Amino acid sequence: MGIMCKVLRGEFIESMHVAYAVVVDGEGQIVKNWGDPYYLTCIRSSLKPFQASASVVEGATEAAGFTTEELALMCASHNGEDIHITTAQHMLEKLGFDISYYECGSHAPYDKKSKLELIKNTIEPTPLHNNCSGKHAGMLCLSKHLKVDPKGYTNSEHPVQKAIMAQAKKYSELDDFPLAIDGCSAPTPFMPLYNIALMFQKFAGRTYPELAVLYDAMTSNPYLIAGKNRFDTDFIEAMKGRAVTKVGGEAVRGLGIRKKDGEVYGIALKILDGNQRCSPQVTIAILKELDLISKNEMDSLNKYSKTTFKNHRKLNVGSIEVEIL
């Protein structure tokens, strides 16, 4: 049975979401699962740290002189705030590229203030505002290091993507997987939840130096991973180096967490209908169920664990409740 996420209006259920989740240990054994642990889903932006690993393991990021902040942005689905835009711009400058090299497309910033600022000044969004701009700077970095034409770097047959998928296969322990096209035009695999959890177990583990570098970059720069009022940023900050999480489109999520006894768990979850609104609540409920989160950590994430809805007069009208069986 999956995890039930109930959206209440007053005391009555108005809507429901079902989540599947799986937890694996360092031996690749399933510690706990809710629903089908081998449910096939698209990994979407939860793949970003592993896409970034291809540039790190090849020495491309070191050759480019990327900072830990810039490494963090390679793993980000950011808000498009000034700090995100400036960081991505600096990455391009180090490569000697400009935004014309980007193949991610443009969209308005997720951050409301940043979006309104563009509208106020009649400025069109650029690829730098794309939440994937850091990831794509990392891909361009790899193309430069490999000394290949960056044009078409999002094509699945391009050397950049071949290097990335080799990394994804290594960490997921899959020989092959179907590919689709992500919102930013890069290839994105479909994988069982179990294998996504394996990847995040390795990400939080200490076996792969390239992953350790990216883990440290994310935990040192949580604001660059998402931004203001975003669960990924607030969670990483609250866990103080003990865990990372990375959301993906259509409510997929990966999480790696280090236990105090030295064990490392990987967790993957998917809200089946793709609605993101209860993903943070489900994540916290899983950690609480397995005694993987402390009271202080819970208190820091209180706004996500106890979500209430207010109407236009600021009256409490409902809430989200997670039921784990």
Protein backbone atom coordinates (compact mmCIF):
# COMPACT_ATOMS: atom_id res chain seq x y z
CA MET A 1 0.00 0.00 0.00
CA GLY A 2 1.20 3.52 -0.74
CA ILE A 3 1.35 6.53 1.52
CA MET A 4 -1.89 8.51 1.67
CA CYS A 5 -1.72 12.29 1.57
CA LYS A 6 -5.06 13.82 2.56
CA VAL A 7 -5.97 17.38 1.68
CA LEU A 8 -8.59 18.51 4.19
CA ARG A 9 -11.05 21.38 4.04
CA GLY A 10 -12.24 21.77 7.58
CA GLU A 11 -12.42 18.23 8.93
CA PHE A 12 -13.37 16.61 5.62
CA ILE A 13 -11.19 15.12 2.89
CA GLU A 14 -11.41 17.25 -0.25
CA SER A 15 -8.61 15.60 -2.26
CA MET A 16 -6.12 12.78 -1.91
CA HIS A 17 -2.68 11.96 -3.29
CA VAL A 18 -0.93 8.59 -3.17
CA ALA A 19 2.85 8.28 -2.86
CA TYR A 20 5.12 5.30 -3.44
CA ALA A 21 8.46 5.30 -1.65
CA VAL A 22 11.43 3.00 -1.06
CA VAL A 23 14.36 3.17 1.37
CA VAL A 24 17.63 1.28 0.71
CA ASP A 25 20.76 0.77 2.80
CA GLY A 26 24.45 0.59 1.88
CA GLU A 27 24.10 -3.06 0.87
CA GLY A 28 21.36 -2.21 -1.60
CA GLN A 29 18.78 -3.93 0.58
CA ILE A 30 15.29 -2.52 0.88
CA VAL A 31 14.82 -1.27 4.44
CA LYS A 32 11.21 -0.21 3.93
CA ASN A 33 8.85 0.45 1.09
CA TRP A 34 5.36 1.77 0.60
CA GLY A 35 3.73 0.75 -2.66
CA ASP A 36 5.74 -0.80 -5.50
CA PRO A 37 9.48 -0.25 -4.91
CA TYR A 38 10.12 -0.97 -8.58
CA TYR A 39 7.56 1.50 -9.87
CA LEU A 40 8.94 2.93 -13.12
CA THR A 41 9.07 6.72 -13.20
CA CYS A 42 10.98 9.52 -14.87
CA ILE A 43 13.79 10.80 -12.64
CA ARG A 44 13.59 14.34 -14.08
CA SER A 45 15.61 16.95 -12.13
CA SER A 46 16.42 14.50 -9.35
CA LEU A 47 19.13 13.37 -11.79
CA LYS A 48 21.00 16.70 -11.63
CA PRO A 49 23.72 15.77 -9.11
CA PHE A 50 24.52 12.71 -11.21
CA GLN A 51 24.53 14.68 -14.44
CA ALA A 52 26.96 17.07 -12.76
CA SER A 53 29.17 14.16 -11.70
CA ALA A 54 30.21 13.53 -15.31
CA SER A 55 31.88 16.96 -15.47
CA VAL A 56 33.53 16.48 -12.07
CA VAL A 57 34.90 12.99 -12.73
CA GLU A 58 36.37 14.09 -16.07
CA GLY A 59 38.17 16.99 -14.40
CA ALA A 60 36.19 19.54 -16.42
CA THR A 61 34.97 21.60 -13.46
CA GLU A 62 38.43 21.75 -11.93
CA ALA A 63 39.94 22.83 -15.25
CA ALA A 64 37.31 25.56 -15.56
CA GLY A 65 37.98 26.78 -12.01
CA PHE A 66 34.40 26.27 -10.84
CA THR A 67 33.84 27.14 -7.17
CA THR A 68 31.78 25.10 -4.72
CA GLU A 69 28.95 27.60 -5.27
CA GLU A 70 29.08 26.93 -8.99
CA LEU A 71 29.18 23.18 -8.42
CA ALA A 72 26.07 23.54 -6.27
CA LEU A 73 24.26 25.43 -9.03
CA MET A 74 25.00 22.55 -11.41
CA CYS A 75 22.79 20.42 -9.12
CA ALA A 76 20.05 23.05 -8.74
CA SER A 77 16.48 23.65 -9.81
CA HIS A 78 16.71 27.27 -8.79
CA ASN A 79 14.27 30.13 -8.37
CA GLY A 80 15.96 32.51 -10.80
CA GLU A 81 16.88 34.97 -8.06
CA ASP A 82 19.82 37.35 -8.51
CA ILE A 83 22.25 35.00 -6.76
CA HIS A 84 21.34 32.19 -9.15
CA ILE A 85 21.57 34.36 -12.26
CA THR A 86 24.91 35.88 -11.24
CA THR A 87 26.42 32.48 -10.44
CA ALA A 88 25.37 31.01 -13.79
CA GLN A 89 26.70 34.07 -15.61
CA HIS A 90 30.09 33.68 -13.92
CA MET A 91 30.20 30.03 -14.99
CA LEU A 92 29.65 30.98 -18.63
CA GLU A 93 32.30 33.68 -18.42
CA LYS A 94 34.84 31.18 -17.10
CA LEU A 95 34.09 28.98 -20.12
CA GLY A 96 34.30 31.86 -22.58
CA PHE A 97 30.68 31.23 -23.61
CA ASP A 98 27.55 33.39 -23.63
CA ILE A 99 23.85 32.57 -23.36
CA SER A 100 23.62 31.81 -27.08
CA TYR A 101 25.31 28.48 -26.29
CA TYR A 102 22.51 27.42 -23.95
CA GLU A 103 20.02 24.83 -25.19
CA CYS A 104 17.76 24.88 -22.13
CA GLY A 105 15.34 27.58 -23.30
CA SER A 106 13.96 30.42 -21.19
CA HIS A 107 11.19 30.72 -18.63
CA ALA A 108 10.18 33.29 -16.03
CA PRO A 109 11.80 33.00 -12.58
CA TYR A 110 10.00 30.81 -10.05
CA ASP A 111 10.61 33.52 -7.47
CA LYS A 112 7.68 35.94 -7.54
CA LYS A 113 9.73 39.02 -6.67
CA SER A 114 12.28 38.27 -9.39
CA LYS A 115 9.52 37.65 -11.91
CA LEU A 116 7.76 40.93 -11.08
CA GLU A 117 11.05 42.79 -11.35
CA LEU A 118 11.46 41.58 -14.93
CA ILE A 119 7.90 42.58 -15.79
CA LYS A 120 8.32 45.99 -14.16
CA ASN A 121 11.43 46.68 -16.26
CA THR A 122 9.94 45.06 -19.40
CA ILE A 123 12.80 42.56 -19.51
CA GLU A 124 12.28 39.17 -21.12
CA PRO A 125 13.57 36.11 -19.26
CA THR A 126 16.77 34.60 -20.65
CA PRO A 127 18.18 31.06 -20.36
CA LEU A 128 19.98 32.25 -17.22
CA HIS A 129 16.57 32.43 -15.52
CA ASN A 130 15.85 28.82 -16.44
CA ASN A 131 15.95 26.70 -13.28
CA CYS A 132 18.38 24.39 -15.10
CA SER A 133 20.90 27.07 -16.13
CA GLY A 134 23.55 25.74 -13.73
CA LYS A 135 23.14 22.21 -15.00
CA HIS A 136 23.54 23.37 -18.57
CA ALA A 137 26.63 25.41 -17.72
CA GLY A 138 28.05 22.16 -16.37
CA MET A 139 27.25 20.38 -19.61
CA LEU A 140 28.89 23.15 -21.61
CA CYS A 141 31.89 22.86 -19.29
CA LEU A 142 32.15 19.16 -20.12
CA SER A 143 31.87 19.78 -23.86
CA LYS A 144 34.72 22.27 -23.69
CA HIS A 145 36.90 19.90 -21.66
CA LEU A 146 36.23 17.04 -24.08
CA LYS A 147 37.12 19.41 -26.94
CA VAL A 148 33.93 18.66 -28.82
CA ASP A 149 31.52 20.99 -30.56
CA PRO A 150 29.07 22.21 -27.89
CA LYS A 151 26.32 22.55 -30.47
CA GLY A 152 23.72 19.87 -29.89
CA TYR A 153 25.03 19.02 -26.42
CA THR A 154 21.49 18.08 -25.34
CA ASN A 155 21.25 15.40 -28.06
CA SER A 156 21.41 11.90 -26.60
CA GLU A 157 24.15 10.95 -29.08
CA HIS A 158 26.39 13.88 -28.13
CA PRO A 159 29.55 12.93 -26.17
CA VAL A 160 28.35 15.04 -23.23
CA GLN A 161 25.15 13.03 -22.85
CA LYS A 162 26.91 9.74 -23.42
CA ALA A 163 29.27 10.58 -20.56
CA ILE A 164 26.35 11.55 -18.34
CA MET A 165 24.38 8.39 -19.06
CA ALA A 166 27.44 6.26 -18.36
CA GLN A 167 27.53 7.82 -14.89
CA ALA A 168 23.79 7.29 -14.41
CA LYS A 169 24.10 3.62 -15.32
CA LYS A 170 27.02 3.18 -12.90
CA TYR A 171 25.22 4.70 -9.94
CA SER A 172 21.79 3.19 -10.68
CA GLU A 173 23.26 -0.27 -11.39
CA LEU A 174 21.11 -0.46 -14.52
CA ASP A 175 22.52 -1.69 -17.83
CA ASP A 176 20.04 0.38 -19.76
CA PHE A 177 16.94 2.52 -19.36
CA PRO A 178 14.45 4.30 -21.64
CA LEU A 179 15.08 7.98 -22.32
CA ALA A 180 12.67 10.86 -22.79
CA ILE A 181 13.25 14.60 -23.16
CA ASP A 182 13.18 16.83 -20.09
CA GLY A 183 11.71 20.34 -19.92
CA CYS A 184 15.19 21.78 -20.49
CA SER A 185 15.70 19.61 -23.61
CA ALA A 186 18.28 17.26 -22.05
CA PRO A 187 17.66 13.49 -22.05
CA THR A 188 16.08 12.11 -18.89
CA PRO A 189 15.80 8.40 -17.96
CA PHE A 190 12.89 6.38 -16.68
CA MET A 191 13.99 4.22 -13.74
CA PRO A 192 12.46 2.09 -11.00
CA LEU A 193 12.21 3.92 -7.68
CA TYR A 194 14.54 1.32 -6.17
CA ASN A 195 17.36 2.33 -8.51
CA ILE A 196 16.82 6.03 -7.85
CA ALA A 197 17.12 5.26 -4.14
CA LEU A 198 20.37 3.37 -4.86
CA MET A 199 21.75 6.47 -6.58
CA PHE A 200 20.98 8.71 -3.62
CA GLN A 201 22.42 6.17 -1.19
CA LYS A 202 25.68 6.42 -3.13
CA PHE A 203 25.38 10.20 -3.27
CA ALA A 204 25.30 10.51 0.52
CA GLY A 205 27.88 7.74 0.93
CA ARG A 206 31.60 8.29 0.71
CA THR A 207 32.57 5.77 -1.96
CA TYR A 208 32.67 8.02 -5.03
CA PRO A 209 34.93 11.10 -4.74
CA GLU A 210 33.07 12.98 -7.49
CA LEU A 211 29.78 12.53 -5.65
CA ALA A 212 31.34 13.53 -2.34
CA VAL A 213 32.49 16.81 -3.90
CA LEU A 214 28.97 17.56 -5.12
CA TYR A 215 27.35 16.47 -1.85
CA ASP A 216 29.58 18.89 0.04
CA ALA A 217 28.83 21.65 -2.49
CA MET A 218 25.09 21.18 -2.01
CA THR A 219 25.22 21.04 1.78
CA SER A 220 27.51 24.10 1.90
CA ASN A 221 25.31 26.17 -0.41
CA PRO A 222 21.68 25.16 0.16
CA TYR A 223 20.30 28.49 -1.08
CA LEU A 224 21.77 27.91 -4.53
CA ILE A 225 19.98 24.55 -4.84
CA ALA A 226 16.52 26.13 -4.93
CA GLY A 227 16.10 29.44 -3.10
CA LYS A 228 13.57 31.35 -1.04
CA ASN A 229 10.63 29.38 0.34
CA ARG A 230 11.75 26.14 -1.30
CA PHE A 231 11.74 22.82 0.52
CA ASP A 232 15.02 21.55 -0.94
CA THR A 233 16.91 24.59 0.35
CA ASP A 234 15.21 24.61 3.76
CA PHE A 235 15.65 20.86 4.23
CA ILE A 236 19.35 20.80 3.34
CA GLU A 237 19.94 23.78 5.62
CA ALA A 238 18.05 22.18 8.51
CA MET A 239 19.94 18.89 8.21
CA LYS A 240 23.33 20.64 8.50
CA GLY A 241 25.28 18.35 6.22
CA ARG A 242 23.57 15.13 7.28
CA ALA A 243 21.26 14.84 4.28
CA VAL A 244 20.41 16.20 0.86
CA THR A 245 17.27 16.03 -1.20
CA LYS A 246 16.59 16.86 -4.83
CA VAL A 247 13.13 17.28 -6.25
CA GLY A 248 12.20 16.50 -9.83
CA GLY A 249 9.27 17.35 -12.07
CA GLU A 250 5.97 15.53 -11.61
CA ALA A 251 6.70 15.04 -7.90
CA VAL A 252 9.60 12.62 -7.97
CA ARG A 253 12.19 13.06 -5.23
CA GLY A 254 15.51 11.55 -4.20
CA LEU A 255 17.09 11.84 -0.77
CA GLY A 256 20.34 10.66 0.77
CA ILE A 257 20.78 10.68 4.54
CA ARG A 258 23.63 9.80 6.87
CA LYS A 259 22.68 8.14 10.14
CA LYS A 260 24.59 8.83 13.34
CA ASP A 261 25.80 5.20 13.43
CA GLY A 262 27.50 5.63 10.06
CA GLU A 263 24.86 3.88 7.95
CA VAL A 264 23.70 5.75 4.87
CA TYR A 265 20.21 5.43 3.43
CA GLY A 266 18.90 6.36 0.02
CA ILE A 267 15.24 7.22 -0.41
CA ALA A 268 13.15 7.71 -3.54
CA LEU A 269 9.52 8.73 -3.65
CA LYS A 270 6.94 9.59 -6.25
CA ILE A 271 3.54 11.23 -5.82
CA LEU A 272 1.66 9.20 -8.38
CA ASP A 273 -0.51 12.00 -9.77
CA GLY A 274 2.50 14.32 -10.15
CA ASN A 275 1.22 16.97 -7.74
CA GLN A 276 4.09 18.54 -5.78
CA ARG A 277 2.06 20.03 -2.93
CA CYS A 278 2.45 17.15 -0.48
CA SER A 279 5.95 16.00 -1.45
CA PRO A 280 7.64 17.79 1.50
CA GLN A 281 5.08 16.45 3.96
CA VAL A 282 5.53 12.88 2.70
CA THR A 283 9.31 13.23 2.88
CA ILE A 284 9.24 14.36 6.50
CA ALA A 285 6.68 11.71 7.43
CA ILE A 286 8.95 8.98 6.04
CA LEU A 287 11.96 10.27 7.97
CA LYS A 288 9.88 10.51 11.15
CA GLU A 289 8.49 7.00 10.67
CA LEU A 290 12.03 5.59 10.40
CA ASP A 291 13.37 7.76 13.25
CA LEU A 292 15.79 9.47 10.84
CA ILE A 293 15.02 13.04 11.84
CA SER A 294 15.56 14.74 15.21
CA LYS A 295 13.18 17.02 17.07
CA ASN A 296 15.37 20.05 16.32
CA GLU A 297 15.42 19.19 12.64
CA MET A 298 11.66 18.71 12.69
CA ASP A 299 11.18 22.06 14.40
CA SER A 300 13.24 23.76 11.68
CA LEU A 301 10.92 22.27 9.06
CA ASN A 302 7.70 22.84 10.96
CA LYS A 303 6.03 24.81 8.17
CA TYR A 304 6.32 21.77 5.92
CA SER A 305 5.37 19.08 8.42
CA LYS A 306 2.24 20.95 9.58
CA THR A 307 0.81 22.60 6.49
CA THR A 308 -2.37 24.66 6.79
CA PHE A 309 -4.31 26.48 4.10
CA LYS A 310 -5.57 30.02 4.47
CA ASN A 311 -8.20 31.77 2.38
CA HIS A 312 -8.07 35.35 1.06
CA ARG A 313 -9.01 36.67 4.51
CA LYS A 314 -6.17 34.70 6.12
CA LEU A 315 -8.59 32.33 7.81
CA ASN A 316 -7.48 28.72 8.35
CA VAL A 317 -9.63 26.59 6.06
CA GLY A 318 -7.77 23.32 5.71
CA SER A 319 -4.60 21.28 6.04
CA ILE A 320 -2.53 18.43 4.66
CA GLU A 321 -2.23 15.18 6.59
CA VAL A 322 -0.01 12.23 5.71
CA GLU A 323 -1.04 8.72 6.66
CA ILE A 324 1.70 6.08 6.68
CA LEU A 325 0.52 2.51 7.20
